[in-house]
């Protein structure tokens, strides 16, 4: 069996399973700092009663070139699916539609895959709203913790 096919399948499954939180991170970052990328790493997953979760963060465009240069300067880090990768990623960030699309860098082991996710079934603003709504449902009312 082709190992590239297996790699693409698990990456696709991870993106589909975590699309809501990827969209949330993308929109939250965009609202705070403008265009940028969501970086997700599978290198140190956390396991809790809900399953595996992965570290992710948003890198704004203003810091992206320096981030990529530092990250990719590590001798063992390899970006997949790319030629002139830094320029390609920066161009994608400059041109994506933040209301519909997400730029994602997915780190697994010593490999990084670049995804330009377009026309998502759940747009980043909707992902953000859904996560915020769900979060507020599970937060206790602050009045419950006030002294009597």
N, C-alpha and C. Protein backbone atom coordinates (compact mmCIF):
# COMPACT_ATOMS: atom_id res chain seq x y z
N UNK A 1 0.84 -1.18 0.00
CA UNK A 1 0.00 0.00 0.00
C UNK A 1 0.88 1.25 0.00
N UNK A 2 0.48 2.25 -0.70
CA UNK A 2 1.24 3.49 -0.83
C UNK A 2 1.23 4.27 0.49
N UNK A 3 2.43 4.54 1.05
CA UNK A 3 2.52 5.25 2.33
C UNK A 3 2.04 6.69 2.21
N UNK A 4 2.21 7.32 1.05
CA UNK A 4 1.70 8.69 0.86
C UNK A 4 0.19 8.72 0.96
N UNK A 5 -0.47 7.68 0.45
CA UNK A 5 -1.92 7.60 0.52
C UNK A 5 -2.36 7.48 1.98
N UNK A 6 -1.68 6.63 2.76
CA UNK A 6 -2.00 6.50 4.19
C UNK A 6 -1.82 7.82 4.91
N UNK A 7 -0.72 8.52 4.59
CA UNK A 7 -0.44 9.80 5.22
C UNK A 7 -1.53 10.82 4.90
N UNK A 8 -1.94 10.88 3.66
CA UNK A 8 -3.00 11.81 3.26
C UNK A 8 -4.32 11.46 3.93
N UNK A 9 -4.62 10.16 4.07
CA UNK A 9 -5.87 9.74 4.68
C UNK A 9 -5.95 10.15 6.14
N UNK A 10 -4.87 9.93 6.93
CA UNK A 10 -4.94 10.31 8.33
C UNK A 10 -4.98 11.82 8.48
N UNK A 11 -4.27 12.55 7.60
CA UNK A 11 -4.30 14.01 7.66
C UNK A 11 -5.71 14.52 7.35
N UNK A 12 -6.32 13.96 6.32
CA UNK A 12 -7.68 14.34 5.96
C UNK A 12 -8.64 14.06 7.11
N UNK A 13 -8.49 12.88 7.73
CA UNK A 13 -9.36 12.51 8.85
C UNK A 13 -9.14 13.45 10.04
N UNK A 14 -7.90 13.80 10.32
CA UNK A 14 -7.62 14.71 11.42
C UNK A 14 -8.24 16.08 11.17
N UNK A 15 -8.12 16.57 9.95
CA UNK A 15 -8.70 17.88 9.60
C UNK A 15 -10.22 17.82 9.71
N UNK A 16 -10.84 16.79 9.17
CA UNK A 16 -12.30 16.66 9.23
C UNK A 16 -12.78 16.58 10.68
N UNK A 17 -12.09 15.80 11.50
CA UNK A 17 -12.49 15.62 12.90
C UNK A 17 -12.33 16.91 13.70
N UNK A 18 -11.34 17.72 13.35
CA UNK A 18 -11.02 18.92 14.12
C UNK A 18 -11.36 20.21 13.38
N UNK A 19 -12.21 20.12 12.36
CA UNK A 19 -12.52 21.28 11.53
C UNK A 19 -13.10 22.44 12.34
N UNK A 20 -13.94 22.14 13.30
CA UNK A 20 -14.56 23.20 14.10
C UNK A 20 -13.51 23.98 14.88
N UNK A 21 -12.58 23.30 15.52
CA UNK A 21 -11.57 23.99 16.31
C UNK A 21 -10.53 24.66 15.41
N UNK A 22 -10.24 24.08 14.26
CA UNK A 22 -9.33 24.72 13.31
C UNK A 22 -9.95 26.03 12.84
N UNK A 23 -11.23 25.99 12.46
CA UNK A 23 -11.92 27.20 12.04
C UNK A 23 -12.01 28.23 13.15
N UNK A 24 -12.27 27.76 14.38
CA UNK A 24 -12.31 28.66 15.54
C UNK A 24 -10.97 29.38 15.70
N UNK A 25 -9.87 28.61 15.70
CA UNK A 25 -8.54 29.21 15.85
C UNK A 25 -8.23 30.20 14.74
N UNK A 26 -8.63 29.85 13.52
CA UNK A 26 -8.37 30.74 12.38
C UNK A 26 -9.12 32.06 12.54
N UNK A 27 -10.40 31.99 12.89
CA UNK A 27 -11.21 33.21 12.99
C UNK A 27 -10.81 34.03 14.21
N UNK A 28 -10.57 33.37 15.33
CA UNK A 28 -10.14 34.07 16.54
C UNK A 28 -8.82 34.81 16.29
N UNK A 29 -7.87 34.14 15.65
CA UNK A 29 -6.60 34.78 15.32
C UNK A 29 -6.79 35.93 14.35
N UNK A 30 -7.62 35.74 13.35
CA UNK A 30 -7.89 36.80 12.36
C UNK A 30 -8.51 38.02 13.03
N UNK A 31 -9.46 37.80 13.93
CA UNK A 31 -10.10 38.92 14.62
C UNK A 31 -9.10 39.71 15.46
N UNK A 32 -8.14 39.03 16.04
CA UNK A 32 -7.16 39.68 16.92
C UNK A 32 -5.99 40.31 16.19
N UNK A 33 -5.52 39.65 15.12
CA UNK A 33 -4.27 40.10 14.49
C UNK A 33 -4.30 40.19 12.97
N UNK A 34 -5.40 39.82 12.34
CA UNK A 34 -5.45 39.83 10.88
C UNK A 34 -5.08 38.48 10.31
N UNK A 35 -4.71 38.47 9.06
CA UNK A 35 -4.39 37.23 8.35
C UNK A 35 -3.27 36.46 9.03
N UNK A 36 -3.28 35.13 8.81
CA UNK A 36 -2.23 34.29 9.36
C UNK A 36 -2.52 32.82 9.10
N UNK A 37 -1.80 31.96 9.83
CA UNK A 37 -1.96 30.52 9.66
C UNK A 37 -2.25 29.86 11.00
N UNK A 38 -2.98 28.76 10.93
CA UNK A 38 -3.15 27.90 12.10
C UNK A 38 -2.06 26.84 12.02
N UNK A 39 -1.34 26.67 13.11
CA UNK A 39 -0.30 25.65 13.19
C UNK A 39 -0.78 24.61 14.19
N UNK A 40 -0.83 23.37 13.75
CA UNK A 40 -1.27 22.26 14.61
C UNK A 40 -0.16 21.22 14.64
N UNK A 41 0.13 20.70 15.83
CA UNK A 41 1.14 19.65 15.94
C UNK A 41 0.54 18.40 16.56
N UNK A 42 0.88 17.28 15.97
CA UNK A 42 0.46 15.99 16.52
C UNK A 42 1.58 15.35 17.32
N UNK A 43 2.67 16.09 17.54
CA UNK A 43 3.85 15.52 18.20
C UNK A 43 3.65 15.23 19.68
N UNK A 44 2.81 15.96 20.34
CA UNK A 44 2.60 15.72 21.78
C UNK A 44 1.11 15.82 22.10
N UNK A 45 0.33 14.83 21.61
CA UNK A 45 -1.11 14.89 21.85
C UNK A 45 -1.42 14.73 23.34
N UNK A 46 -2.52 15.34 23.75
CA UNK A 46 -3.00 15.21 25.11
C UNK A 46 -4.17 14.25 25.09
N UNK A 47 -4.23 13.37 26.05
CA UNK A 47 -5.31 12.41 26.12
C UNK A 47 -6.13 12.70 27.36
N UNK A 48 -7.43 12.92 27.16
CA UNK A 48 -8.32 13.13 28.29
C UNK A 48 -9.56 12.27 28.08
N UNK A 49 -10.57 12.47 28.88
CA UNK A 49 -11.76 11.62 28.79
C UNK A 49 -12.53 11.80 27.49
N UNK A 50 -12.22 12.86 26.75
CA UNK A 50 -12.90 13.11 25.48
C UNK A 50 -12.11 12.59 24.28
N UNK A 51 -10.89 12.09 24.52
CA UNK A 51 -10.06 11.57 23.45
C UNK A 51 -8.78 12.37 23.32
N UNK A 52 -8.19 12.30 22.14
CA UNK A 52 -6.93 12.99 21.88
C UNK A 52 -7.17 14.43 21.46
N UNK A 53 -6.36 15.33 21.98
CA UNK A 53 -6.39 16.71 21.52
C UNK A 53 -4.96 17.10 21.14
N UNK A 54 -4.86 18.07 20.26
CA UNK A 54 -3.58 18.48 19.72
C UNK A 54 -3.35 19.96 19.96
N UNK A 55 -2.10 20.30 20.16
CA UNK A 55 -1.74 21.70 20.34
C UNK A 55 -1.90 22.43 19.02
N UNK A 56 -2.49 23.61 19.10
CA UNK A 56 -2.59 24.45 17.91
C UNK A 56 -2.49 25.91 18.34
N UNK A 57 -2.02 26.72 17.42
CA UNK A 57 -1.95 28.15 17.68
C UNK A 57 -1.99 28.89 16.35
N UNK A 58 -2.20 30.18 16.45
CA UNK A 58 -2.32 31.04 15.27
C UNK A 58 -1.06 31.89 15.16
N UNK A 59 -0.47 31.93 13.98
CA UNK A 59 0.69 32.78 13.72
C UNK A 59 0.24 33.87 12.75
N UNK A 60 0.24 35.14 13.20
CA UNK A 60 -0.19 36.22 12.31
C UNK A 60 0.81 36.46 11.17
N UNK A 61 0.32 36.99 10.09
CA UNK A 61 1.13 37.25 8.89
C UNK A 61 2.35 38.10 9.23
N UNK A 62 2.20 39.05 10.14
CA UNK A 62 3.31 39.95 10.48
C UNK A 62 4.50 39.21 11.09
N UNK A 63 4.26 38.04 11.66
CA UNK A 63 5.35 37.26 12.27
C UNK A 63 5.62 35.95 11.54
N UNK A 64 4.91 35.72 10.45
CA UNK A 64 4.97 34.42 9.79
C UNK A 64 6.31 34.15 9.12
N UNK A 65 6.89 35.12 8.43
CA UNK A 65 8.17 34.88 7.74
C UNK A 65 9.25 34.49 8.75
N UNK A 66 9.33 35.22 9.85
CA UNK A 66 10.32 34.90 10.88
C UNK A 66 10.04 33.53 11.50
N UNK A 67 8.76 33.24 11.74
CA UNK A 67 8.37 31.94 12.30
C UNK A 67 8.79 30.81 11.37
N UNK A 68 8.47 30.93 10.08
CA UNK A 68 8.83 29.88 9.12
C UNK A 68 10.34 29.71 9.02
N UNK A 69 11.07 30.83 8.97
CA UNK A 69 12.53 30.74 8.87
C UNK A 69 13.12 30.02 10.08
N UNK A 70 12.64 30.35 11.27
CA UNK A 70 13.15 29.71 12.48
C UNK A 70 12.74 28.24 12.54
N UNK A 71 11.49 27.98 12.23
CA UNK A 71 10.96 26.63 12.31
C UNK A 71 11.64 25.71 11.30
N UNK A 72 11.78 26.21 10.09
CA UNK A 72 12.33 25.38 9.02
C UNK A 72 13.85 25.35 9.02
N UNK A 73 14.48 26.17 9.86
CA UNK A 73 15.92 26.14 9.99
C UNK A 73 16.39 24.90 10.74
N UNK A 74 15.48 24.27 11.47
CA UNK A 74 15.80 23.03 12.17
C UNK A 74 16.16 21.99 11.11
N UNK A 75 17.35 21.40 11.22
CA UNK A 75 17.82 20.50 10.15
C UNK A 75 16.89 19.34 9.83
N UNK A 76 16.16 18.84 10.81
CA UNK A 76 15.34 17.66 10.56
C UNK A 76 13.93 17.97 10.07
N UNK A 77 13.53 19.24 10.08
CA UNK A 77 12.17 19.59 9.67
C UNK A 77 12.06 19.61 8.16
N UNK A 78 11.07 18.93 7.65
CA UNK A 78 10.85 18.84 6.20
C UNK A 78 9.42 19.25 5.92
N UNK A 79 9.24 20.18 4.99
CA UNK A 79 7.89 20.54 4.56
C UNK A 79 7.54 19.69 3.35
N UNK A 80 6.39 19.08 3.43
CA UNK A 80 5.91 18.26 2.33
C UNK A 80 5.13 19.10 1.34
N UNK A 81 4.99 18.60 0.15
CA UNK A 81 4.16 19.23 -0.89
C UNK A 81 4.61 20.65 -1.19
N UNK A 82 5.90 20.88 -1.30
CA UNK A 82 6.25 22.27 -1.53
C UNK A 82 7.53 22.47 -2.29
N UNK A 83 7.56 23.57 -3.00
CA UNK A 83 8.77 24.09 -3.60
C UNK A 83 8.69 25.60 -3.36
N UNK A 84 9.79 26.18 -2.98
CA UNK A 84 9.79 27.59 -2.58
C UNK A 84 8.68 27.79 -1.55
N UNK A 85 8.72 26.95 -0.54
CA UNK A 85 7.61 26.84 0.39
C UNK A 85 7.30 28.13 1.12
N UNK A 86 8.30 28.79 1.68
CA UNK A 86 8.02 30.02 2.43
C UNK A 86 7.26 31.03 1.58
N UNK A 87 7.74 31.28 0.39
CA UNK A 87 7.07 32.23 -0.50
C UNK A 87 5.66 31.79 -0.85
N UNK A 88 5.50 30.51 -1.05
CA UNK A 88 4.18 29.96 -1.40
C UNK A 88 3.20 30.14 -0.24
N UNK A 89 3.65 29.85 0.98
CA UNK A 89 2.80 30.00 2.16
C UNK A 89 2.45 31.47 2.38
N UNK A 90 3.44 32.35 2.28
CA UNK A 90 3.19 33.78 2.48
C UNK A 90 2.21 34.31 1.43
N UNK A 91 2.35 33.87 0.20
CA UNK A 91 1.42 34.28 -0.86
C UNK A 91 0.01 33.78 -0.58
N UNK A 92 -0.09 32.52 -0.12
CA UNK A 92 -1.40 31.96 0.22
C UNK A 92 -2.06 32.77 1.33
N UNK A 93 -1.29 33.14 2.35
CA UNK A 93 -1.83 33.92 3.46
C UNK A 93 -2.28 35.30 2.98
N UNK A 94 -1.53 35.89 2.07
CA UNK A 94 -1.90 37.21 1.54
C UNK A 94 -3.17 37.17 0.71
N UNK A 95 -3.53 36.00 0.17
CA UNK A 95 -4.63 35.94 -0.79
C UNK A 95 -5.84 35.11 -0.36
N UNK A 96 -5.79 34.44 0.79
CA UNK A 96 -6.93 33.60 1.16
C UNK A 96 -8.11 34.47 1.64
N UNK A 97 -9.30 33.89 1.63
CA UNK A 97 -10.50 34.56 2.11
C UNK A 97 -10.74 34.11 3.54
N UNK A 98 -10.42 34.93 4.55
CA UNK A 98 -10.54 34.50 5.94
C UNK A 98 -11.96 34.14 6.36
N UNK A 99 -12.95 34.60 5.61
CA UNK A 99 -14.34 34.28 5.95
C UNK A 99 -14.75 32.89 5.45
N UNK A 100 -13.95 32.29 4.57
CA UNK A 100 -14.29 30.98 4.00
C UNK A 100 -13.16 29.96 4.10
N UNK A 101 -11.91 30.42 4.18
CA UNK A 101 -10.76 29.54 4.04
C UNK A 101 -9.86 29.57 5.27
N UNK A 102 -8.99 28.57 5.37
CA UNK A 102 -8.00 28.48 6.45
C UNK A 102 -6.68 28.02 5.84
N UNK A 103 -5.61 28.66 6.26
CA UNK A 103 -4.27 28.18 5.93
C UNK A 103 -3.80 27.39 7.15
N UNK A 104 -3.42 26.14 6.94
CA UNK A 104 -3.06 25.23 8.03
C UNK A 104 -1.69 24.63 7.77
N UNK A 105 -0.85 24.65 8.80
CA UNK A 105 0.40 23.90 8.79
C UNK A 105 0.25 22.79 9.82
N UNK A 106 0.40 21.57 9.38
CA UNK A 106 0.20 20.41 10.24
C UNK A 106 1.54 19.71 10.44
N UNK A 107 2.02 19.72 11.68
CA UNK A 107 3.30 19.10 12.01
C UNK A 107 3.06 17.70 12.57
N UNK A 108 3.80 16.75 12.02
CA UNK A 108 3.73 15.38 12.50
C UNK A 108 5.14 14.80 12.45
N UNK A 109 5.69 14.52 13.62
CA UNK A 109 7.08 14.08 13.65
C UNK A 109 7.97 15.21 13.19
N UNK A 110 8.80 14.93 12.21
CA UNK A 110 9.70 15.96 11.69
C UNK A 110 9.22 16.49 10.34
N UNK A 111 7.95 16.19 10.01
CA UNK A 111 7.37 16.63 8.74
C UNK A 111 6.29 17.66 9.00
N UNK A 112 6.20 18.61 8.08
CA UNK A 112 5.17 19.63 8.13
C UNK A 112 4.44 19.63 6.79
N UNK A 113 3.12 19.57 6.85
CA UNK A 113 2.31 19.62 5.63
C UNK A 113 1.57 20.94 5.59
N UNK A 114 1.49 21.51 4.42
CA UNK A 114 0.82 22.79 4.17
C UNK A 114 -0.53 22.51 3.52
N UNK A 115 -1.58 23.11 4.09
CA UNK A 115 -2.92 22.96 3.53
C UNK A 115 -3.55 24.32 3.35
N UNK A 116 -4.09 24.56 2.17
CA UNK A 116 -4.87 25.75 1.88
C UNK A 116 -6.31 25.26 1.78
N UNK A 117 -7.02 25.29 2.90
CA UNK A 117 -8.37 24.75 2.99
C UNK A 117 -9.36 25.80 2.49
N UNK A 118 -10.02 25.50 1.38
CA UNK A 118 -10.92 26.48 0.74
C UNK A 118 -12.37 26.03 0.82
N UNK A 119 -13.25 27.03 0.87
CA UNK A 119 -14.69 26.80 0.84
C UNK A 119 -15.11 25.68 1.79
N UNK A 120 -14.79 25.87 3.04
CA UNK A 120 -15.05 24.86 4.07
C UNK A 120 -16.54 24.68 4.30
N UNK A 121 -16.97 23.48 4.68
CA UNK A 121 -18.39 23.26 4.93
C UNK A 121 -18.90 24.06 6.14
N UNK A 122 -18.01 24.34 7.08
CA UNK A 122 -18.33 25.23 8.20
C UNK A 122 -17.30 26.35 8.14
N UNK A 123 -17.74 27.54 7.79
CA UNK A 123 -16.83 28.68 7.63
C UNK A 123 -16.24 29.07 8.98
N UNK A 124 -15.03 29.64 8.97
CA UNK A 124 -14.39 30.04 10.23
C UNK A 124 -15.26 30.91 11.16
N UNK A 125 -16.00 31.92 10.66
CA UNK A 125 -16.84 32.68 11.59
C UNK A 125 -17.90 31.82 12.27
N UNK A 126 -18.48 30.88 11.53
CA UNK A 126 -19.49 29.99 12.11
C UNK A 126 -18.84 29.03 13.12
N UNK A 127 -17.65 28.53 12.81
CA UNK A 127 -16.92 27.68 13.76
C UNK A 127 -16.69 28.43 15.05
N UNK A 128 -16.27 29.67 14.92
CA UNK A 128 -16.01 30.52 16.09
C UNK A 128 -17.28 30.67 16.93
N UNK A 129 -18.39 30.96 16.28
CA UNK A 129 -19.66 31.14 17.00
C UNK A 129 -20.09 29.85 17.69
N UNK A 130 -19.96 28.73 17.01
CA UNK A 130 -20.37 27.45 17.59
C UNK A 130 -19.52 27.09 18.81
N UNK A 131 -18.20 27.29 18.72
CA UNK A 131 -17.32 26.97 19.84
C UNK A 131 -17.60 27.91 21.01
N UNK A 132 -17.78 29.19 20.73
CA UNK A 132 -18.08 30.14 21.81
C UNK A 132 -19.40 29.80 22.49
N UNK A 133 -20.40 29.43 21.70
CA UNK A 133 -21.71 29.07 22.26
C UNK A 133 -21.58 27.82 23.13
N UNK A 134 -20.90 26.80 22.62
CA UNK A 134 -20.73 25.56 23.38
C UNK A 134 -19.93 25.83 24.65
N UNK A 135 -18.91 26.65 24.55
CA UNK A 135 -18.09 26.98 25.72
C UNK A 135 -18.94 27.67 26.78
N UNK A 136 -19.78 28.60 26.38
CA UNK A 136 -20.61 29.34 27.35
C UNK A 136 -21.62 28.41 28.02
N UNK A 137 -22.09 27.40 27.31
CA UNK A 137 -23.04 26.45 27.89
C UNK A 137 -22.43 25.65 29.03
N UNK A 138 -21.12 25.39 28.95
CA UNK A 138 -20.47 24.56 29.94
C UNK A 138 -19.77 25.35 31.05
N UNK A 139 -19.82 26.66 30.97
CA UNK A 139 -19.21 27.49 32.00
C UNK A 139 -20.24 27.78 33.08
N UNK A 140 -19.89 27.56 34.32
CA UNK A 140 -20.84 27.87 35.39
C UNK A 140 -21.04 29.39 35.48
N UNK A 141 -22.21 29.74 35.90
CA UNK A 141 -22.50 31.17 36.09
C UNK A 141 -21.58 31.71 37.15
N UNK A 142 -21.03 32.89 36.93
CA UNK A 142 -20.10 33.46 37.90
C UNK A 142 -20.79 33.72 39.23
N UNK A 143 -22.11 33.90 39.23
CA UNK A 143 -22.83 34.19 40.47
C UNK A 143 -22.83 32.97 41.41
N UNK A 144 -22.65 31.79 40.87
CA UNK A 144 -22.62 30.58 41.70
C UNK A 144 -21.40 30.57 42.62
N UNK A 145 -20.37 31.28 42.24
CA UNK A 145 -19.15 31.23 43.00
C UNK A 145 -18.94 32.46 43.86
N UNK A 146 -19.91 33.30 43.93
CA UNK A 146 -19.81 34.48 44.79
C UNK A 146 -20.13 34.09 46.22
N UNK A 147 -19.50 34.73 47.15
CA UNK A 147 -19.78 34.45 48.56
C UNK A 147 -21.21 34.85 48.89
N UNK A 148 -21.88 34.08 49.75
CA UNK A 148 -23.28 34.38 50.09
C UNK A 148 -23.40 35.70 50.82
